[in-house]
Amino acid sequence: MTAHIVHVVHRFDTGGMENGMVNLFNTLPPERFRHTVVALTGFGDFRRRITAQAVEFHALHRPPGHDPGWMVKLWKLLHQLRPDLVHTRNLAALEAQFVAAAAGIRATVHGEHGRDVFDLHGRNWKYNLLRRAARPFVSNYIAVSRDLETWLREAVGVPSRKLHQIYNGVDSVKFRPREGARPAVLPPGFADAGSTVFGSVGRMAEVKDYPTLTRAFIRLQRHAPERAAHARLVIVGEGPARATCQDLLRQAGLDRLAWLPGERHDIAALMQAFDVFVLPSKNEGISNTILEALASGLPVVATAVGGNVELVEDGVNGRLVTAGDPDEMAQALLGYLEGPEAPARIAGHGANARRRAEQRFSIPGMAAAYAAVYDKTLGRGC
């Protein structure tokens, strides 16, 4: 029997959570699960990456504020769709659990992919009051990191029997180490064979803190100009911080050593053009871009926040640094430039990164774990 799962999200657009959902839809057997996505606000073209089965999308166009009209729309839609299970994700969609209960749906899952941008450490009492109020209506929870799992248990009071920690998976065939020369995806003349390219990919939003990475690169150039002469910076992504970073580089006279192309769709090729991956975020659930970097055989310099510490082992497959500290980040970058052993350090950390991705973060493994939670929630055997 095929189970119909309705996935409720705030918005379905470019992002790590959406990438994980696409991988799930493309991997779960369609004869066992079919999917519908309800976006409370809207959805974008990212849904076109779903190729293995047809997934229906609905947008409720929820307006800002506290108008409850969207709940009525969702209640009517759930009666029309008649799902076997409703799966909500993150705080912005959590109130849909109350609507699912009112619609008579008893099999529900809630996923936490990262804390709210306005409450990075999950301490806001109003948000946690809402989470505790929804707790009786959620059959099972999925946390994408051990950090989030611990927080759900200790701060929200979710019983251990309802908690399931499942890491995101990464496509280790699409994302793989480069072989031979650097792919020709960077601007002509920007980086040669002797360059060390520090690269990052992500939404250029406040939580990702790309100005700290930019300031670290500037400090690197100022304090170690000889060793940093061949260093290059690439930040791929769109968002309000892009202009800020470009201004910082321009004011420092270093814009010729950096490339910020905006949003791109050739991420696997760009990863192969990098030598070291850097993620400066203030907080993370489990970063899909770190997973893609690991699979691409790149050392990862990341802030020691959220799930990053579960992906990066300091001195083994990268470096962990304090969030918001450009000086410490500059020192970590310098470690991949300094001395004749730097190329061997990049190669060794990169090989360890690839090994970790292959052994612990497969997409089939992720999908099997989700299927097990769905089967448990539905009260059926695998």
Protein backbone atom coordinates (compact mmCIF):
# COMPACT_ATOMS: atom_id res chain seq x y z
CA MET A 1 0.00 0.00 0.00
CA THR A 2 1.30 3.44 -0.95
CA ALA A 3 1.29 5.99 1.86
CA HIS A 4 0.46 9.58 0.94
CA ILE A 5 2.63 12.07 2.82
CA VAL A 6 1.90 15.79 2.86
CA HIS A 7 4.99 17.86 3.62
CA VAL A 8 4.24 21.32 5.04
CA VAL A 9 6.97 23.98 4.83
CA HIS A 10 7.02 27.76 5.15
CA ARG A 11 8.45 28.17 1.65
CA PHE A 12 9.99 25.79 -0.88
CA ASP A 13 12.89 27.55 -2.57
CA THR A 14 16.67 27.20 -2.87
CA GLY A 15 18.12 25.96 0.43
CA GLY A 16 19.58 23.08 2.40
CA MET A 17 16.25 21.84 3.74
CA GLU A 18 14.74 21.85 0.27
CA ASN A 19 17.80 20.05 -1.12
CA GLY A 20 17.33 17.31 1.46
CA MET A 21 13.65 17.01 0.53
CA VAL A 22 14.51 16.71 -3.16
CA ASN A 23 17.02 13.96 -2.41
CA LEU A 24 14.38 12.19 -0.31
CA PHE A 25 11.68 12.39 -3.00
CA ASN A 26 14.13 11.15 -5.64
CA THR A 27 15.20 8.17 -3.51
CA LEU A 28 12.22 6.84 -1.54
CA PRO A 29 10.44 4.07 -3.51
CA PRO A 30 7.34 5.59 -5.18
CA GLU A 31 5.42 2.35 -4.74
CA ARG A 32 5.64 2.85 -0.96
CA PHE A 33 5.40 6.63 -0.61
CA ARG A 34 3.89 9.42 -2.65
CA HIS A 35 4.36 13.06 -1.74
CA THR A 36 2.59 16.40 -1.82
CA VAL A 37 4.25 19.64 -0.72
CA VAL A 38 2.23 22.47 0.82
CA ALA A 39 4.14 25.75 1.07
CA LEU A 40 2.51 28.19 3.45
CA THR A 41 3.81 31.14 1.42
CA GLY A 42 5.05 30.00 -2.00
CA PHE A 43 7.53 27.89 -3.96
CA GLY A 44 10.18 28.36 -6.62
CA ASP A 45 11.78 26.47 -9.49
CA PHE A 46 13.95 24.38 -7.15
CA ARG A 47 11.10 21.83 -7.24
CA ARG A 48 12.11 20.99 -10.81
CA ARG A 49 15.04 19.00 -9.38
CA ILE A 50 12.54 16.32 -8.37
CA THR A 51 12.87 13.79 -11.18
CA ALA A 52 11.96 10.34 -9.82
CA GLN A 53 8.23 10.89 -9.36
CA ALA A 54 5.53 13.50 -9.75
CA VAL A 55 5.13 15.63 -6.63
CA GLU A 56 2.18 17.99 -6.39
CA PHE A 57 2.78 21.49 -4.99
CA HIS A 58 0.31 23.85 -3.35
CA ALA A 59 0.94 27.43 -2.15
CA LEU A 60 -1.32 29.01 0.48
CA HIS A 61 0.17 32.52 0.05
CA ARG A 62 0.06 33.16 3.79
CA PRO A 63 0.34 36.93 4.41
CA PRO A 64 2.67 38.38 7.06
CA GLY A 65 1.19 38.79 10.50
CA HIS A 66 -1.31 36.77 12.50
CA ASP A 67 -4.21 36.36 10.07
CA PRO A 68 -5.54 32.81 10.74
CA GLY A 69 -7.07 32.54 7.28
CA TRP A 70 -4.23 30.29 6.12
CA MET A 71 -5.26 27.71 8.72
CA VAL A 72 -8.73 27.47 7.22
CA LYS A 73 -7.18 27.06 3.75
CA LEU A 74 -4.86 24.33 5.02
CA TRP A 75 -7.68 22.53 6.85
CA LYS A 76 -9.76 22.46 3.65
CA LEU A 77 -6.75 21.33 1.59
CA LEU A 78 -5.95 18.50 3.99
CA HIS A 79 -9.57 17.30 3.76
CA GLN A 80 -9.20 17.35 -0.01
CA LEU A 81 -5.80 15.60 -0.09
CA ARG A 82 -6.64 13.03 2.62
CA PRO A 83 -3.01 12.25 3.53
CA ASP A 84 -1.93 9.27 5.60
CA LEU A 85 0.77 11.36 7.30
CA VAL A 86 1.64 15.04 7.66
CA HIS A 87 5.32 16.05 7.97
CA THR A 88 6.03 19.64 9.05
CA ARG A 89 9.49 21.20 9.07
CA ASN A 90 10.95 23.90 11.30
CA LEU A 91 9.26 26.43 13.54
CA ALA A 92 7.66 28.41 10.69
CA ALA A 93 5.47 25.41 9.75
CA LEU A 94 4.89 23.98 13.24
CA GLU A 95 1.42 25.50 13.68
CA ALA A 96 0.27 23.24 10.83
CA GLN A 97 0.40 20.42 13.40
CA PHE A 98 -2.66 21.95 15.13
CA VAL A 99 -4.47 22.13 11.79
CA ALA A 100 -3.60 18.50 11.00
CA ALA A 101 -5.02 17.45 14.38
CA ALA A 102 -8.22 19.43 13.71
CA ALA A 103 -8.47 17.68 10.33
CA GLY A 104 -8.37 14.31 12.07
CA ILE A 105 -4.85 13.31 11.00
CA ARG A 106 -3.18 11.31 13.74
CA ALA A 107 0.07 10.25 12.04
CA THR A 108 2.42 13.23 12.09
CA VAL A 109 6.15 13.96 11.96
CA HIS A 110 7.97 17.21 12.70
CA GLY A 111 11.50 17.87 11.46
CA GLU A 112 13.99 20.35 12.87
CA HIS A 113 16.58 21.40 10.29
CA GLY A 114 17.99 24.41 12.14
CA ARG A 115 16.79 26.93 14.68
CA ASP A 116 14.99 30.12 13.76
CA VAL A 117 17.20 32.92 12.45
CA PHE A 118 15.91 35.19 15.24
CA ASP A 119 16.63 32.58 17.93
CA LEU A 120 19.88 30.90 16.99
CA HIS A 121 20.26 29.04 20.29
CA GLY A 122 16.63 28.00 20.76
CA ARG A 123 16.04 29.95 23.99
CA ASN A 124 13.12 32.21 23.02
CA TRP A 125 10.41 31.42 25.56
CA LYS A 126 7.52 32.22 23.20
CA TYR A 127 8.88 29.95 20.50
CA ASN A 128 9.50 27.16 22.99
CA LEU A 129 6.02 27.59 24.44
CA LEU A 130 4.64 26.98 20.94
CA ARG A 131 6.88 23.95 20.53
CA ARG A 132 5.72 22.47 23.83
CA ALA A 133 2.08 23.15 22.96
CA ALA A 134 2.50 21.23 19.69
CA ARG A 135 4.31 18.33 21.34
CA PRO A 136 1.21 16.18 22.11
CA PHE A 137 0.13 16.34 18.47
CA VAL A 138 3.47 15.18 16.97
CA SER A 139 3.87 11.41 16.67
CA ASN A 140 7.61 11.49 15.94
CA TYR A 141 10.38 14.06 15.57
CA ILE A 142 13.37 14.06 13.20
CA ALA A 143 16.46 16.12 14.04
CA VAL A 144 19.16 16.49 11.40
CA SER A 145 21.95 16.78 13.99
CA ARG A 146 22.76 15.46 17.45
CA ASP A 147 22.87 19.09 18.60
CA LEU A 148 19.22 19.59 17.58
CA GLU A 149 18.25 16.22 19.02
CA THR A 150 19.69 17.14 22.43
CA TRP A 151 17.99 20.55 22.33
CA LEU A 152 14.58 19.03 21.48
CA ARG A 153 14.90 16.63 24.40
CA GLU A 154 16.23 19.10 26.97
CA ALA A 155 14.64 22.44 26.02
CA VAL A 156 11.38 21.32 24.42
CA GLY A 157 10.82 18.17 26.48
CA VAL A 158 10.39 15.72 23.60
CA PRO A 159 10.58 12.15 24.99
CA SER A 160 13.45 10.03 23.66
CA ARG A 161 11.06 7.43 22.22
CA LYS A 162 9.76 10.07 19.78
CA LEU A 163 13.19 11.40 18.77
CA HIS A 164 15.07 10.25 15.67
CA GLN A 165 18.35 11.78 14.57
CA ILE A 166 18.95 11.46 10.81
CA TYR A 167 21.80 13.18 9.00
CA ASN A 168 21.25 14.59 5.52
CA GLY A 169 22.83 12.61 2.72
CA VAL A 170 25.04 13.82 -0.10
CA ASP A 171 25.42 12.62 -3.69
CA SER A 172 28.98 11.31 -3.68
CA VAL A 173 28.83 10.60 -7.40
CA LYS A 174 27.84 14.11 -8.43
CA PHE A 175 30.11 15.69 -5.81
CA ARG A 176 33.55 14.12 -6.10
CA PRO A 177 37.20 15.23 -5.94
CA ARG A 178 38.65 16.81 -9.04
CA GLU A 179 40.98 14.80 -11.19
CA GLY A 180 43.59 16.71 -13.13
CA ALA A 181 43.39 20.43 -13.84
CA ARG A 182 41.04 22.88 -12.17
CA PRO A 183 37.72 23.06 -14.09
CA ALA A 184 37.32 26.18 -16.22
CA VAL A 185 34.41 27.64 -14.24
CA LEU A 186 36.25 30.55 -12.61
CA PRO A 187 36.84 33.84 -14.47
CA PRO A 188 39.72 33.66 -16.99
CA GLY A 189 43.05 34.43 -15.34
CA PHE A 190 41.54 34.51 -11.85
CA ALA A 191 43.36 31.43 -10.51
CA ASP A 192 46.23 29.41 -11.95
CA ALA A 193 47.69 26.05 -10.96
CA GLY A 194 49.66 27.66 -8.14
CA SER A 195 46.68 29.46 -6.60
CA THR A 196 44.86 28.35 -3.46
CA VAL A 197 41.15 29.04 -3.85
CA PHE A 198 39.12 29.44 -0.66
CA GLY A 199 35.50 28.94 -1.66
CA SER A 200 32.08 29.07 -0.08
CA VAL A 201 28.53 28.46 -1.27
CA GLY A 202 25.36 29.61 0.47
CA ARG A 203 22.63 32.17 0.91
CA MET A 204 24.26 35.48 1.65
CA ALA A 205 21.95 36.10 4.60
CA GLU A 206 22.85 37.43 8.04
CA VAL A 207 23.01 33.99 9.70
CA LYS A 208 25.69 32.84 7.25
CA ASP A 209 27.92 35.79 8.26
CA TYR A 210 29.88 36.16 5.03
CA PRO A 211 31.30 39.55 6.09
CA THR A 212 33.39 37.67 8.69
CA LEU A 213 34.87 35.46 5.96
CA THR A 214 35.55 38.55 3.84
CA ARG A 215 37.27 40.32 6.74
CA ALA A 216 39.32 37.19 7.44
CA PHE A 217 40.51 37.16 3.82
CA ILE A 218 41.43 40.85 4.04
CA ARG A 219 43.37 40.25 7.26
CA LEU A 220 45.14 37.33 5.61
CA GLN A 221 46.29 39.55 2.77
CA ARG A 222 47.40 42.37 5.09
CA HIS A 223 49.25 40.34 7.72
CA ALA A 224 50.82 37.64 5.53
CA PRO A 225 51.06 39.25 2.07
CA GLU A 226 53.83 37.01 0.76
CA ARG A 227 52.17 33.74 1.77
CA ALA A 228 48.72 34.99 0.72
CA ALA A 229 49.86 36.30 -2.66
CA HIS A 230 48.34 33.31 -4.45
CA ALA A 231 45.21 33.06 -2.28
CA ARG A 232 41.84 33.70 -3.92
CA LEU A 233 38.34 34.01 -2.45
CA VAL A 234 35.10 32.81 -4.08
CA ILE A 235 31.68 33.25 -2.45
CA VAL A 236 28.81 31.80 -4.48
CA GLY A 237 25.29 32.86 -3.55
CA GLU A 238 22.83 35.72 -3.51
CA GLY A 239 21.51 37.81 -0.65
CA PRO A 240 21.83 41.14 1.16
CA ALA A 241 25.37 40.44 2.42
CA ARG A 242 26.75 40.19 -1.10
CA ALA A 243 26.93 43.98 -1.56
CA THR A 244 28.45 44.35 1.92
CA CYS A 245 31.22 41.88 1.10
CA GLN A 246 31.90 43.48 -2.27
CA ASP A 247 32.19 46.89 -0.60
CA LEU A 248 34.64 45.54 2.00
CA LEU A 249 36.83 44.04 -0.71
CA ARG A 250 36.69 47.18 -2.83
CA GLN A 251 37.63 49.42 0.09
CA ALA A 252 40.58 47.12 0.88
CA GLY A 253 41.70 47.19 -2.77
CA LEU A 254 41.36 43.39 -2.98
CA ASP A 255 38.32 42.97 -5.21
CA ARG A 256 40.54 41.61 -8.02
CA LEU A 257 41.45 38.66 -5.74
CA ALA A 258 37.82 37.73 -5.04
CA TRP A 259 34.87 36.60 -7.12
CA LEU A 260 31.25 36.84 -5.91
CA PRO A 261 29.17 35.71 -8.90
CA GLY A 262 25.77 35.50 -7.18
CA GLU A 263 23.60 32.41 -7.49
CA ARG A 264 24.95 29.59 -9.66
CA HIS A 265 23.66 26.17 -10.64
CA ASP A 266 26.99 24.45 -11.40
CA ILE A 267 27.91 23.89 -7.76
CA ALA A 268 29.55 20.49 -8.24
CA ALA A 269 31.95 21.92 -10.83
CA LEU A 270 32.63 24.98 -8.66
CA MET A 271 33.47 22.74 -5.69
CA GLN A 272 36.06 21.02 -7.89
CA ALA A 273 37.56 24.44 -8.62
CA PHE A 274 38.05 25.16 -4.90
CA ASP A 275 41.00 23.99 -2.81
CA VAL A 276 39.51 24.68 0.64
CA PHE A 277 35.86 25.20 1.59
CA VAL A 278 34.90 27.80 4.23
CA LEU A 279 31.61 28.28 6.08
CA PRO A 280 31.46 31.24 8.50
CA SER A 281 27.86 30.86 9.76
CA LYS A 282 26.59 31.95 13.16
CA ASN A 283 24.60 28.73 13.49
CA GLU A 284 23.76 25.62 11.45
CA GLY A 285 21.62 22.52 11.60
CA ILE A 286 23.50 20.22 9.25
CA SER A 287 25.03 22.15 6.37
CA ASN A 288 24.40 20.58 2.98
CA THR A 289 27.19 22.67 1.49
CA ILE A 290 29.67 21.24 4.02
CA LEU A 291 28.49 17.75 3.06
CA GLU A 292 29.00 18.60 -0.62
CA ALA A 293 32.45 19.97 0.15
CA LEU A 294 33.40 16.82 2.07
CA ALA A 295 32.23 14.65 -0.83
CA SER A 296 34.26 16.88 -3.17
CA GLY A 297 37.38 16.04 -1.17
CA LEU A 298 37.87 19.54 0.25
CA PRO A 299 39.21 20.47 3.68
CA VAL A 300 36.54 22.50 5.49
CA VAL A 301 37.13 25.55 7.67
CA ALA A 302 33.89 26.07 9.61
CA THR A 303 32.62 27.81 12.70
CA ALA A 304 32.20 25.57 15.76
CA VAL A 305 28.41 25.98 15.90
CA GLY A 306 25.43 23.64 15.68
CA GLY A 307 25.96 20.55 13.57
CA ASN A 308 29.25 21.80 12.08
CA VAL A 309 31.17 20.11 14.90
CA GLU A 310 29.59 16.79 13.88
CA LEU A 311 30.89 17.11 10.32
CA VAL A 312 34.32 18.70 10.76
CA GLU A 313 36.97 17.12 12.97
CA ASP A 314 39.53 19.77 13.79
CA GLY A 315 42.93 18.94 12.32
CA VAL A 316 41.61 15.84 10.55
CA ASN A 317 39.34 16.97 7.71
CA GLY A 318 39.48 20.71 8.33
CA ARG A 319 39.53 23.35 11.04
CA LEU A 320 36.90 24.61 13.51
CA VAL A 321 36.98 28.29 14.52
CA THR A 322 35.00 30.62 16.75
CA ALA A 323 31.98 32.23 15.07
CA GLY A 324 32.34 35.93 14.33
CA ASP A 325 36.13 35.99 14.80
CA PRO A 326 37.85 37.06 11.55
CA ASP A 327 41.33 36.88 13.10
CA GLU A 328 40.95 33.25 14.14
CA MET A 329 39.48 32.40 10.76
CA ALA A 330 42.40 34.14 9.00
CA GLN A 331 44.83 32.00 11.01
CA ALA A 332 42.96 28.84 9.98
CA LEU A 333 43.15 29.88 6.31
CA LEU A 334 46.84 30.64 6.72
CA GLY A 335 47.38 27.05 7.85
CA TYR A 336 46.53 25.94 4.31
CA LEU A 337 49.05 28.39 2.81
CA GLU A 338 51.96 28.31 5.22
CA GLY A 339 55.13 26.33 4.55
CA PRO A 340 56.05 23.56 2.12
CA GLU A 341 53.73 21.13 3.96
CA ALA A 342 50.58 23.12 3.05
CA PRO A 343 49.80 21.17 -0.18
CA ALA A 344 50.16 17.87 1.70
CA ARG A 345 47.88 19.21 4.46
CA ILE A 346 45.23 20.13 1.89
CA ALA A 347 45.51 16.73 0.24
CA GLY A 348 45.42 14.81 3.53
CA HIS A 349 42.50 16.71 5.02
CA GLY A 350 40.68 16.47 1.68
CA ALA A 351 41.11 12.68 1.51
CA ASN A 352 39.78 12.37 5.07
CA ALA A 353 36.83 14.58 4.10
CA ARG A 354 35.90 12.38 1.15
CA ARG A 355 36.18 9.22 3.26
CA ARG A 356 33.86 10.71 5.90
CA ALA A 357 31.24 11.65 3.30
CA GLU A 358 31.23 8.18 1.76
CA GLN A 359 31.07 6.32 5.06
CA ARG A 360 28.55 8.40 7.02
CA PHE A 361 26.41 10.57 4.77
CA SER A 362 24.91 8.53 1.94
CA ILE A 363 21.56 9.48 0.41
CA PRO A 364 20.26 5.86 0.41
CA GLY A 365 21.07 5.62 4.12
CA MET A 366 19.22 8.86 4.81
CA ALA A 367 16.18 7.73 2.81
CA ALA A 368 16.04 4.35 4.56
CA ALA A 369 16.07 6.10 7.95
CA TYR A 370 13.21 8.41 6.93
CA ALA A 371 11.24 5.44 5.60
CA ALA A 372 11.67 3.69 8.97
CA VAL A 373 10.28 6.74 10.82
CA TYR A 374 7.36 6.99 8.43
CA ASP A 375 6.60 3.27 8.81
CA LYS A 376 6.77 3.53 12.61
CA THR A 377 4.47 6.55 12.58
CA LEU A 378 1.99 4.78 10.30
CA GLY A 379 2.16 1.63 12.40
CA ARG A 380 3.20 -0.57 9.53
CA GLY A 381 6.13 -2.91 8.92
CA CYS A 382 8.92 -2.03 6.49
